N, C-alpha and C. Protein backbone atom coordinates (compact mmCIF):
# COMPACT_ATOMS: atom_id res chain seq x y z
N MET A 1 0.64 -1.16 0.01
CA MET A 1 0.12 -0.11 -0.04
C MET A 1 1.05 1.24 0.35
N MET A 2 0.71 2.23 -0.60
CA MET A 2 1.35 3.37 -0.81
C MET A 2 1.49 4.26 0.19
N LYS A 3 1.79 5.07 0.90
CA LYS A 3 2.04 5.80 1.61
C LYS A 3 0.98 6.96 1.38
N ILE A 4 0.12 7.69 2.02
CA ILE A 4 -0.78 8.70 1.86
C ILE A 4 -0.49 9.84 2.54
N ASN A 5 -0.43 10.83 1.97
CA ASN A 5 -0.08 12.30 2.70
C ASN A 5 -1.35 12.88 2.56
N LYS A 6 -2.24 13.48 3.29
CA LYS A 6 -3.68 14.12 3.74
C LYS A 6 -3.26 15.49 3.22
N SER A 7 -4.43 16.20 2.44
CA SER A 7 -4.19 17.51 2.58
C SER A 7 -4.50 18.29 3.64
N THR A 8 -4.39 19.49 3.92
CA THR A 8 -4.72 20.25 5.27
C THR A 8 -6.16 20.28 5.57
N ARG A 9 -6.78 20.44 4.54
CA ARG A 9 -8.05 20.51 4.37
C ARG A 9 -9.38 19.13 4.41
N HIS A 10 -8.36 17.90 4.48
CA HIS A 10 -8.87 16.63 4.31
C HIS A 10 -9.97 16.52 5.32
N ALA A 11 -9.67 16.60 6.58
CA ALA A 11 -10.95 16.46 7.53
C ALA A 11 -12.37 17.00 7.06
N LYS A 12 -12.32 18.35 6.58
CA LYS A 12 -13.12 19.11 6.42
C LYS A 12 -14.07 18.11 4.78
N ILE A 13 -12.84 17.88 3.85
CA ILE A 13 -13.35 17.28 2.69
C ILE A 13 -14.31 16.25 3.05
N THR A 14 -13.56 15.38 3.98
CA THR A 14 -14.04 13.78 4.33
C THR A 14 -15.37 14.07 4.87
N GLY A 15 -15.71 15.19 5.70
CA GLY A 15 -16.95 15.33 6.18
C GLY A 15 -18.07 15.96 5.09
N ASP A 16 -17.66 16.36 4.06
CA ASP A 16 -18.63 16.75 2.99
C ASP A 16 -18.71 15.48 2.34
N PHE A 17 -17.76 14.64 2.02
CA PHE A 17 -17.65 13.21 1.21
C PHE A 17 -18.57 12.37 1.91
N GLY A 18 -18.81 12.26 3.36
CA GLY A 18 -19.67 11.62 3.95
C GLY A 18 -20.87 11.96 3.98
N GLU A 19 -21.20 13.18 3.95
CA GLU A 19 -22.70 13.57 3.81
C GLU A 19 -23.16 13.33 2.41
N ALA A 20 -22.23 13.75 1.33
CA ALA A 20 -22.90 13.36 0.17
C ALA A 20 -23.04 12.08 -0.26
N VAL A 21 -21.99 11.28 0.22
CA VAL A 21 -22.40 9.85 0.02
C VAL A 21 -23.54 9.22 0.82
N VAL A 22 -23.93 9.69 1.76
CA VAL A 22 -25.04 8.99 2.69
C VAL A 22 -26.40 9.91 1.51
N LEU A 23 -26.25 10.75 1.20
CA LEU A 23 -27.21 11.58 0.84
C LEU A 23 -27.46 11.22 -0.69
N TYR A 24 -26.89 10.69 -1.43
CA TYR A 24 -26.65 10.07 -2.85
C TYR A 24 -27.21 8.38 -2.50
N TRP A 25 -26.98 7.95 -1.34
CA TRP A 25 -27.18 6.22 -1.25
C TRP A 25 -28.73 6.57 -1.09
N LEU A 26 -29.28 7.08 -0.03
CA LEU A 26 -30.50 7.32 0.23
C LEU A 26 -31.25 7.85 -0.99
N SER A 27 -30.65 8.64 -1.60
CA SER A 27 -31.85 9.20 -3.10
C SER A 27 -31.70 7.95 -3.92
N LYS A 28 -30.81 7.06 -4.16
CA LYS A 28 -30.55 6.01 -5.21
C LYS A 28 -31.90 4.82 -4.87
N TYR A 29 -32.09 5.21 -3.37
CA TYR A 29 -32.79 3.84 -2.83
C TYR A 29 -34.72 4.64 -2.65
N GLY A 30 -34.66 5.68 -3.59
CA GLY A 30 -35.76 6.40 -3.31
C GLY A 30 -36.61 7.02 -2.25
N PHE A 31 -35.67 7.49 -1.33
CA PHE A 31 -35.79 8.48 -0.18
C PHE A 31 -35.81 9.87 -0.57
N GLU A 32 -36.81 10.28 -0.42
CA GLU A 32 -36.59 12.18 -0.39
C GLU A 32 -35.85 12.59 0.46
N CYS A 33 -34.76 13.23 0.07
CA CYS A 33 -34.06 13.90 0.83
C CYS A 33 -33.37 15.24 0.75
N ALA A 34 -32.93 15.86 1.52
CA ALA A 34 -32.02 16.99 1.05
C ALA A 34 -30.85 17.47 2.21
N PRO A 35 -29.99 17.85 1.70
CA PRO A 35 -28.73 18.12 2.82
C PRO A 35 -29.48 19.70 3.65
N VAL A 36 -29.16 19.66 4.64
CA VAL A 36 -29.27 20.58 5.68
C VAL A 36 -28.35 21.31 6.11
N ASP A 37 -28.18 22.81 6.61
CA ASP A 37 -27.16 23.14 6.68
C ASP A 37 -27.61 23.91 8.40
N HIS A 38 -27.69 22.81 9.41
CA HIS A 38 -28.30 23.32 10.65
C HIS A 38 -27.57 22.57 11.78
N THR A 39 -27.41 23.20 12.76
CA THR A 39 -26.46 22.37 13.68
C THR A 39 -27.35 21.34 14.54
N GLY A 40 -26.84 20.01 14.45
CA GLY A 40 -27.34 19.16 14.92
C GLY A 40 -27.40 18.06 13.73
N ILE A 41 -27.91 18.40 12.48
CA ILE A 41 -28.31 17.31 11.52
C ILE A 41 -27.56 17.86 10.13
N ASP A 42 -27.29 16.74 9.58
CA ASP A 42 -27.19 17.26 7.88
C ASP A 42 -27.90 16.94 6.87
N ILE A 43 -28.45 16.11 7.19
CA ILE A 43 -29.62 15.71 6.00
C ILE A 43 -31.12 15.31 6.57
N ILE A 44 -32.28 15.68 6.07
CA ILE A 44 -33.47 15.53 6.37
C ILE A 44 -33.88 14.32 4.94
N ALA A 45 -34.19 13.52 5.30
CA ALA A 45 -34.84 12.27 4.73
C ALA A 45 -36.21 11.58 5.36
N ARG A 46 -37.24 11.30 3.96
CA ARG A 46 -38.00 10.45 4.32
C ARG A 46 -38.13 8.86 3.64
N ASN A 47 -37.93 8.47 4.64
CA ASN A 47 -38.21 6.79 4.47
C ASN A 47 -39.14 6.24 3.43
N LEU A 48 -39.14 6.05 2.53
CA LEU A 48 -39.93 5.57 1.57
C LEU A 48 -40.82 4.25 2.28
N HIS A 49 -40.23 3.68 2.99
CA HIS A 49 -40.79 2.09 3.42
C HIS A 49 -41.76 2.45 4.65
N THR A 50 -41.32 3.62 5.76
CA THR A 50 -41.78 3.51 6.60
C THR A 50 -42.69 5.00 6.79
N ASN A 51 -42.24 5.80 6.01
CA ASN A 51 -42.89 7.40 6.24
C ASN A 51 -42.14 7.89 7.23
N GLU A 52 -41.48 7.69 7.85
CA GLU A 52 -40.36 8.15 9.04
C GLU A 52 -39.66 9.24 8.65
N VAL A 53 -39.72 10.30 8.80
CA VAL A 53 -38.73 11.34 8.41
C VAL A 53 -37.51 11.33 9.42
N MET A 54 -36.35 11.52 8.82
CA MET A 54 -35.13 11.31 9.43
C MET A 54 -34.38 12.76 9.58
N GLY A 55 -34.29 13.06 10.81
CA GLY A 55 -32.87 14.01 10.77
C GLY A 55 -31.53 13.45 11.06
N ILE A 56 -30.61 13.17 10.11
CA ILE A 56 -29.53 12.47 10.18
C ILE A 56 -28.46 13.48 10.57
N SER A 57 -27.39 13.10 11.69
CA SER A 57 -26.21 13.70 11.54
C SER A 57 -24.89 12.72 11.06
N VAL A 58 -24.24 13.44 10.26
CA VAL A 58 -23.16 12.35 9.76
C VAL A 58 -21.95 12.66 10.22
N LYS A 59 -21.30 11.53 10.81
CA LYS A 59 -20.02 11.33 11.20
C LYS A 59 -19.01 10.82 10.35
N SER A 60 -18.08 11.13 9.94
CA SER A 60 -16.89 10.74 8.57
C SER A 60 -15.63 10.90 9.42
N ARG A 61 -14.69 9.99 8.86
CA ARG A 61 -13.47 9.67 9.11
C ARG A 61 -12.68 9.16 8.33
N SER A 62 -11.49 9.46 7.99
CA SER A 62 -10.31 8.92 6.89
C SER A 62 -9.27 8.33 8.06
N ARG A 63 -9.17 6.97 7.78
CA ARG A 63 -8.10 6.29 8.69
C ARG A 63 -6.97 6.07 7.65
N THR A 64 -5.82 6.33 8.39
CA THR A 64 -4.51 5.95 7.75
C THR A 64 -4.31 4.23 7.67
N GLU A 65 -3.49 3.80 7.17
CA GLU A 65 -2.69 2.57 7.34
C GLU A 65 -2.54 2.45 8.81
N GLY A 66 -3.13 1.11 9.53
CA GLY A 66 -2.77 0.79 10.74
C GLY A 66 -4.00 1.14 11.92
N SER A 67 -4.68 2.36 11.17
CA SER A 67 -5.79 2.76 12.03
C SER A 67 -7.28 2.71 11.59
N GLU A 68 -7.43 1.55 10.73
CA GLU A 68 -8.66 1.24 10.03
C GLU A 68 -9.85 0.59 11.42
N GLU A 69 -8.91 0.09 12.58
CA GLU A 69 -10.23 -0.04 13.31
C GLU A 69 -10.58 0.72 14.56
N GLU A 70 -9.82 1.86 14.32
CA GLU A 70 -10.19 3.06 15.52
C GLU A 70 -11.48 3.20 15.43
N TYR A 71 -12.09 3.61 16.39
CA TYR A 71 -13.77 3.98 17.08
C TYR A 71 -13.63 5.48 16.33
N VAL A 72 -15.07 5.73 16.02
CA VAL A 72 -15.32 6.78 15.38
C VAL A 72 -15.88 7.93 16.92
N SER A 73 -15.26 8.51 17.42
CA SER A 73 -15.81 9.39 18.86
C SER A 73 -16.84 10.17 18.29
N ILE A 74 -17.96 10.34 19.05
CA ILE A 74 -19.22 10.98 19.07
C ILE A 74 -19.37 11.55 20.32
N PRO A 75 -19.00 13.20 20.14
CA PRO A 75 -18.95 13.84 21.52
C PRO A 75 -20.76 14.07 22.22
N ASN A 76 -20.85 14.09 23.26
CA ASN A 76 -22.08 13.98 23.80
C ASN A 76 -23.17 15.19 23.30
N ASP A 77 -22.45 16.27 23.28
CA ASP A 77 -23.08 17.23 22.69
C ASP A 77 -23.88 17.23 21.14
N SER A 78 -23.17 16.12 20.70
CA SER A 78 -23.57 15.77 19.09
C SER A 78 -25.20 15.34 19.29
N PHE A 79 -24.96 14.65 20.47
CA PHE A 79 -26.63 13.82 20.68
C PHE A 79 -27.74 15.01 21.01
N ASP A 80 -27.27 15.84 21.94
CA ASP A 80 -28.46 17.15 22.41
C ASP A 80 -28.41 17.90 21.11
N LYS A 81 -27.49 18.30 20.13
CA LYS A 81 -27.90 19.18 19.28
C LYS A 81 -29.07 18.30 18.03
N ALA A 82 -28.19 16.90 17.91
CA ALA A 82 -29.38 16.25 16.85
C ALA A 82 -30.80 16.08 17.31
N GLU A 83 -31.06 15.82 18.68
CA GLU A 83 -32.40 15.92 19.54
C GLU A 83 -33.18 17.26 19.30
N ALA A 84 -32.27 18.49 19.42
CA ALA A 84 -33.37 19.66 19.51
C ALA A 84 -33.26 20.04 18.21
N ALA A 85 -32.56 19.68 17.20
CA ALA A 85 -32.86 19.51 15.66
C ALA A 85 -34.20 19.25 15.22
N CYS A 86 -34.09 17.64 15.28
CA CYS A 86 -34.89 17.00 15.02
C CYS A 86 -36.42 17.47 15.94
N GLN A 87 -36.32 17.87 16.96
CA GLN A 87 -37.52 18.40 17.57
C GLN A 87 -38.09 19.81 16.84
N ALA A 88 -37.19 20.53 16.40
CA ALA A 88 -37.43 21.44 15.57
C ALA A 88 -37.84 21.26 14.03
N PHE A 89 -37.67 20.20 13.63
CA PHE A 89 -38.03 19.86 12.11
C PHE A 89 -38.91 18.68 12.25
N GLY A 90 -39.26 18.21 13.47
CA GLY A 90 -40.34 16.90 13.37
C GLY A 90 -39.98 15.93 12.99
N CYS A 91 -38.73 15.46 13.30
CA CYS A 91 -38.02 14.28 12.72
C CYS A 91 -37.37 13.15 13.44
N SER A 92 -37.44 11.96 13.44
CA SER A 92 -36.34 11.30 14.36
C SER A 92 -35.01 11.36 14.25
N PRO A 93 -34.31 11.38 15.18
CA PRO A 93 -33.08 11.71 15.10
C PRO A 93 -32.29 10.21 14.60
N TYR A 94 -31.24 10.29 13.63
CA TYR A 94 -30.32 9.15 13.36
C TYR A 94 -29.19 9.86 13.41
N PHE A 95 -28.10 8.89 13.28
CA PHE A 95 -26.60 9.20 12.74
C PHE A 95 -26.27 8.33 11.83
N ALA A 96 -25.32 8.62 11.11
CA ALA A 96 -24.79 8.00 9.76
C ALA A 96 -23.25 8.53 10.26
N VAL A 97 -22.86 7.14 9.98
CA VAL A 97 -21.17 6.83 10.28
C VAL A 97 -20.49 6.27 9.06
N VAL A 98 -19.44 7.06 8.58
CA VAL A 98 -19.06 6.78 7.25
C VAL A 98 -17.49 6.97 7.59
N VAL A 99 -16.54 5.86 7.40
CA VAL A 99 -15.23 5.26 7.69
C VAL A 99 -14.70 5.08 6.45
N ASP A 100 -13.82 5.79 5.84
CA ASP A 100 -12.78 5.35 5.16
C ASP A 100 -11.25 4.88 5.11
N ALA A 101 -11.59 3.44 5.27
CA ALA A 101 -10.65 2.74 6.03
C ALA A 101 -9.82 1.74 5.01
N GLY A 102 -8.47 2.23 4.53
CA GLY A 102 -7.87 1.25 3.69
C GLY A 102 -8.54 0.95 2.19
N ASP A 103 -8.82 0.26 2.05
CA ASP A 103 -9.65 -0.12 0.54
C ASP A 103 -11.03 -0.36 0.73
N THR A 104 -11.68 -0.15 1.73
CA THR A 104 -13.13 -0.22 2.23
C THR A 104 -13.63 1.11 2.55
N ILE A 105 -14.67 1.48 2.18
CA ILE A 105 -15.69 2.60 2.70
C ILE A 105 -16.70 2.25 2.99
N ARG A 106 -17.10 2.20 4.45
CA ARG A 106 -18.42 1.93 5.06
C ARG A 106 -19.12 3.11 5.36
N ALA A 107 -20.26 2.90 5.34
CA ALA A 107 -21.25 3.91 6.02
C ALA A 107 -22.20 3.04 6.54
N PHE A 108 -22.73 3.39 7.78
CA PHE A 108 -23.71 2.87 8.25
C PHE A 108 -24.99 3.91 8.78
N ILE A 109 -26.09 3.69 8.66
CA ILE A 109 -27.11 4.66 9.14
C ILE A 109 -28.00 3.94 10.45
N VAL A 110 -28.05 4.45 11.59
CA VAL A 110 -28.96 3.73 12.82
C VAL A 110 -29.51 5.19 13.59
N PRO A 111 -30.57 4.65 13.96
CA PRO A 111 -31.53 5.47 14.93
C PRO A 111 -30.63 5.79 16.02
N MET A 112 -30.72 7.23 16.43
CA MET A 112 -29.98 7.59 17.32
C MET A 112 -30.18 6.88 18.78
N LYS A 113 -31.55 6.54 19.28
CA LYS A 113 -31.47 5.31 20.30
C LYS A 113 -31.00 4.32 20.31
N ARG A 114 -30.84 3.59 19.10
CA ARG A 114 -29.91 2.47 19.07
C ARG A 114 -28.33 2.45 19.36
N LEU A 115 -28.30 3.61 18.75
CA LEU A 115 -26.49 4.01 18.69
C LEU A 115 -26.55 4.17 20.15
N LEU A 116 -27.26 4.32 21.20
CA LEU A 116 -26.84 4.88 22.57
C LEU A 116 -27.29 3.30 23.27
N ASP A 117 -27.99 2.72 22.81
CA ASP A 117 -28.35 1.61 23.25
C ASP A 117 -27.19 0.47 23.34
N LEU A 118 -26.43 0.83 22.09
CA LEU A 118 -24.96 -0.29 21.89
C LEU A 118 -23.83 0.37 22.59
N PHE A 119 -23.92 1.83 22.52
CA PHE A 119 -22.96 2.56 23.37
C PHE A 119 -23.20 3.62 24.08
N PRO A 120 -23.59 3.55 25.34
CA PRO A 120 -24.10 4.31 26.05
C PRO A 120 -23.04 5.90 26.08
N LYS A 121 -23.69 6.98 26.40
CA LYS A 121 -22.72 7.80 26.64
C LYS A 121 -21.91 7.72 27.99
N GLY A 122 -20.53 8.12 27.86
CA GLY A 122 -19.33 8.46 28.80
C GLY A 122 -19.38 9.44 29.29
N LYS A 123 -18.12 10.19 29.81
CA LYS A 123 -18.17 11.05 30.32
C LYS A 123 -18.07 12.41 29.33
N ARG A 124 -17.54 12.14 28.19
CA ARG A 124 -17.28 12.83 27.08
C ARG A 124 -18.08 12.77 25.80
N GLY A 125 -18.45 11.41 25.49
CA GLY A 125 -19.16 10.91 24.71
C GLY A 125 -19.26 9.44 24.31
N THR A 126 -19.59 8.89 23.52
CA THR A 126 -19.26 7.47 22.88
C THR A 126 -18.37 7.30 21.56
N GLY A 127 -18.42 6.16 21.22
CA GLY A 127 -17.40 5.66 20.18
C GLY A 127 -18.17 4.92 19.37
N TRP A 128 -18.19 4.93 17.56
CA TRP A 128 -18.88 3.95 17.10
C TRP A 128 -17.46 3.01 16.37
N LYS A 129 -17.74 1.66 17.37
CA LYS A 129 -16.45 0.70 17.16
C LYS A 129 -16.15 0.28 15.47
N MET A 130 -15.16 -0.13 15.16
CA MET A 130 -14.63 -0.48 13.81
C MET A 130 -14.17 -1.63 13.81
N SER A 131 -13.93 -2.39 14.81
CA SER A 131 -12.89 -3.86 15.03
C SER A 131 -13.91 -5.10 13.98
N ASP A 132 -13.37 -5.96 13.75
CA ASP A 132 -14.02 -7.16 12.98
C ASP A 132 -15.22 -7.36 13.65
N HIS A 133 -14.78 -7.40 15.13
CA HIS A 133 -16.03 -8.19 15.70
C HIS A 133 -17.38 -7.20 15.92
N TYR A 134 -17.21 -6.13 15.71
CA TYR A 134 -18.19 -4.80 16.01
C TYR A 134 -18.81 -5.03 14.17
N LEU A 135 -18.11 -4.95 13.54
CA LEU A 135 -18.68 -5.02 12.18
C LEU A 135 -19.53 -6.22 11.53
N ARG A 136 -19.01 -7.45 12.65
CA ARG A 136 -19.80 -8.54 12.24
C ARG A 136 -21.22 -8.31 13.03
N ARG A 137 -21.33 -7.72 14.57
CA ARG A 137 -22.44 -7.74 15.16
C ARG A 137 -23.46 -6.34 14.23
N TYR A 138 -22.89 -5.56 13.70
CA TYR A 138 -23.58 -4.92 13.01
C TYR A 138 -24.58 -5.38 11.60
N ALA A 139 -23.87 -6.40 11.06
CA ALA A 139 -24.18 -6.94 10.02
C ALA A 139 -25.54 -7.82 10.36
N GLU A 140 -25.65 -8.09 11.61
CA GLU A 140 -26.80 -9.07 11.98
C GLU A 140 -27.71 -7.65 12.72
N ASP A 141 -27.65 -6.78 12.97
CA ASP A 141 -28.37 -6.01 13.66
C ASP A 141 -29.53 -5.42 12.84
N PRO A 142 -31.03 -5.54 12.76
CA PRO A 142 -32.01 -5.35 11.84
C PRO A 142 -32.15 -3.59 11.85
N ASP A 143 -31.59 -2.93 12.94
CA ASP A 143 -31.79 -1.59 12.94
C ASP A 143 -30.30 -0.74 12.25
N ILE A 144 -29.66 -1.15 11.60
CA ILE A 144 -28.40 -0.62 11.26
C ILE A 144 -28.28 -1.02 9.84
N MET A 145 -28.52 0.29 9.14
CA MET A 145 -28.60 0.02 7.45
C MET A 145 -26.95 0.00 7.16
N ALA A 146 -26.43 -0.32 6.43
CA ALA A 146 -25.08 -0.32 5.94
C ALA A 146 -24.98 -0.59 4.54
N PHE A 147 -23.67 0.21 4.00
CA PHE A 147 -23.32 -0.18 2.78
C PHE A 147 -21.60 0.14 2.76
N GLU A 148 -21.27 -0.47 1.66
CA GLU A 148 -19.64 -0.07 1.64
C GLU A 148 -19.16 -0.12 -0.07
N PHE A 149 -18.25 -0.08 -0.01
CA PHE A 149 -17.43 0.27 -1.36
C PHE A 149 -15.95 -0.44 -1.43
N LYS A 150 -15.85 -0.89 -2.07
CA LYS A 150 -14.44 -1.48 -2.19
C LYS A 150 -13.43 -0.65 -2.86
N ALA A 151 -12.52 0.04 -2.57
CA ALA A 151 -11.89 1.28 -3.28
C ALA A 151 -10.46 0.93 -3.96
N LYS A 152 -9.97 0.91 -5.06
CA LYS A 152 -8.85 0.80 -5.87
C LYS A 152 -8.27 1.82 -6.36
N THR A 153 -7.07 2.48 -6.02
CA THR A 153 -6.34 3.16 -6.81
C THR A 153 -5.56 2.67 -7.67
N ALA A 154 -6.17 2.88 -9.11
CA ALA A 154 -5.29 2.02 -10.36
C ALA A 154 -3.90 2.53 -10.49
N ARG A 155 -4.05 4.13 -10.47
CA ARG A 155 -2.59 4.65 -10.74
C ARG A 155 -2.72 6.30 -10.28
N TRP A 156 -1.73 6.46 -9.36
CA TRP A 156 -1.76 7.93 -8.93
C TRP A 156 -0.14 8.49 -8.71
N TRP A 157 -0.45 9.75 -8.98
CA TRP A 157 1.27 10.23 -8.42
C TRP A 157 1.93 9.96 -7.24
N THR A 158 3.24 9.68 -7.80
CA THR A 158 3.92 9.28 -6.36
C THR A 158 5.24 10.16 -6.71
N ALA A 159 6.25 9.98 -5.73
CA ALA A 159 7.55 10.73 -5.87
C ALA A 159 8.26 10.07 -6.86
N ASN A 160 8.12 8.92 -7.14
CA ASN A 160 8.99 8.51 -8.41
C ASN A 160 8.35 8.83 -9.73
N ASN A 161 7.12 8.72 -9.96
CA ASN A 161 6.57 9.27 -11.01
C ASN A 161 6.17 10.36 -11.54
N ALA A 162 5.98 11.27 -10.25
CA ALA A 162 5.77 12.75 -10.97
C ALA A 162 6.81 13.38 -11.77
N LEU A 163 8.17 13.23 -11.68
CA LEU A 163 9.40 13.83 -12.27
C LEU A 163 8.95 13.42 -13.59
N GLN A 164 8.90 12.03 -13.70
CA GLN A 164 8.69 11.12 -15.19
C GLN A 164 7.57 12.11 -15.93
N HIS A 165 6.36 12.32 -15.18
CA HIS A 165 5.42 12.67 -15.73
C HIS A 165 5.71 14.02 -16.39
N CYS A 166 6.26 14.93 -15.48
CA CYS A 166 6.35 16.51 -15.92
C CYS A 166 7.20 16.54 -17.18
N ALA A 167 8.27 15.78 -16.77
CA ALA A 167 9.34 15.40 -18.12
C ALA A 167 8.53 15.09 -19.43
N GLY A 168 7.75 14.13 -19.47
CA GLY A 168 7.01 13.28 -19.97
C GLY A 168 6.26 14.34 -21.04
N SER A 169 5.55 15.22 -20.24
CA SER A 169 4.57 16.09 -20.68
C SER A 169 5.07 17.42 -21.42
N ALA A 170 6.65 18.05 -20.89
CA ALA A 170 7.10 18.73 -21.40
C ALA A 170 7.73 18.61 -23.12
N ALA A 171 8.10 17.18 -23.07
CA ALA A 171 8.66 16.85 -24.32
C ALA A 171 7.57 16.60 -25.40
N ARG A 172 6.09 16.29 -24.90
CA ARG A 172 5.24 16.12 -25.84
C ARG A 172 4.75 17.25 -26.83
N PRO A 173 4.57 17.13 -27.99
CA PRO A 173 4.42 18.08 -28.78
C PRO A 173 2.89 18.72 -28.48
N ARG A 174 2.56 19.85 -28.40
CA ARG A 174 0.95 20.42 -28.39
C ARG A 174 0.47 20.19 -29.57
N ARG A 175 -1.07 19.95 -29.54
CA ARG A 175 -1.90 19.61 -30.81
C ARG A 175 -2.69 20.58 -30.74
N GLY A 176 -3.06 21.13 -31.70
CA GLY A 176 -3.60 22.33 -32.03
C GLY A 176 -4.70 22.97 -32.52
């Protein structure tokens, strides 16, 4: 696996990506949904199967090699903010957790109540665990919806090929 140096804005970009991929997946499966810029929730969606209106707070992380199984920390105030936003909009609080870990991008959508049943609040918050043991448990839990992508970088810039690429493009004649 090649070493990855993340950009200075990677955390923000990861958050935006997580929100977009959850929104896309919901839409793909017929949920009416929209991004919202509101403290506590990132997406409002109507579940076409239950008619429930969901207020979804998305938590996204990008893991480096060796940290793929680290849990996703969720501060206590995230629950309070999601609850308040859902009260204001008349929806049920949900959390989506999106983790880019090596060659797999996983996403989970879970009711806030179920998340807190699994992982009660501690002093500062809780965490969504990502070890193989928990991934197997999530797969068997009917309250946890999930999807994943296998990712493969077919070709990318490296220190070795960057100079060759620059030299090669400079030597190529322009078309016109």
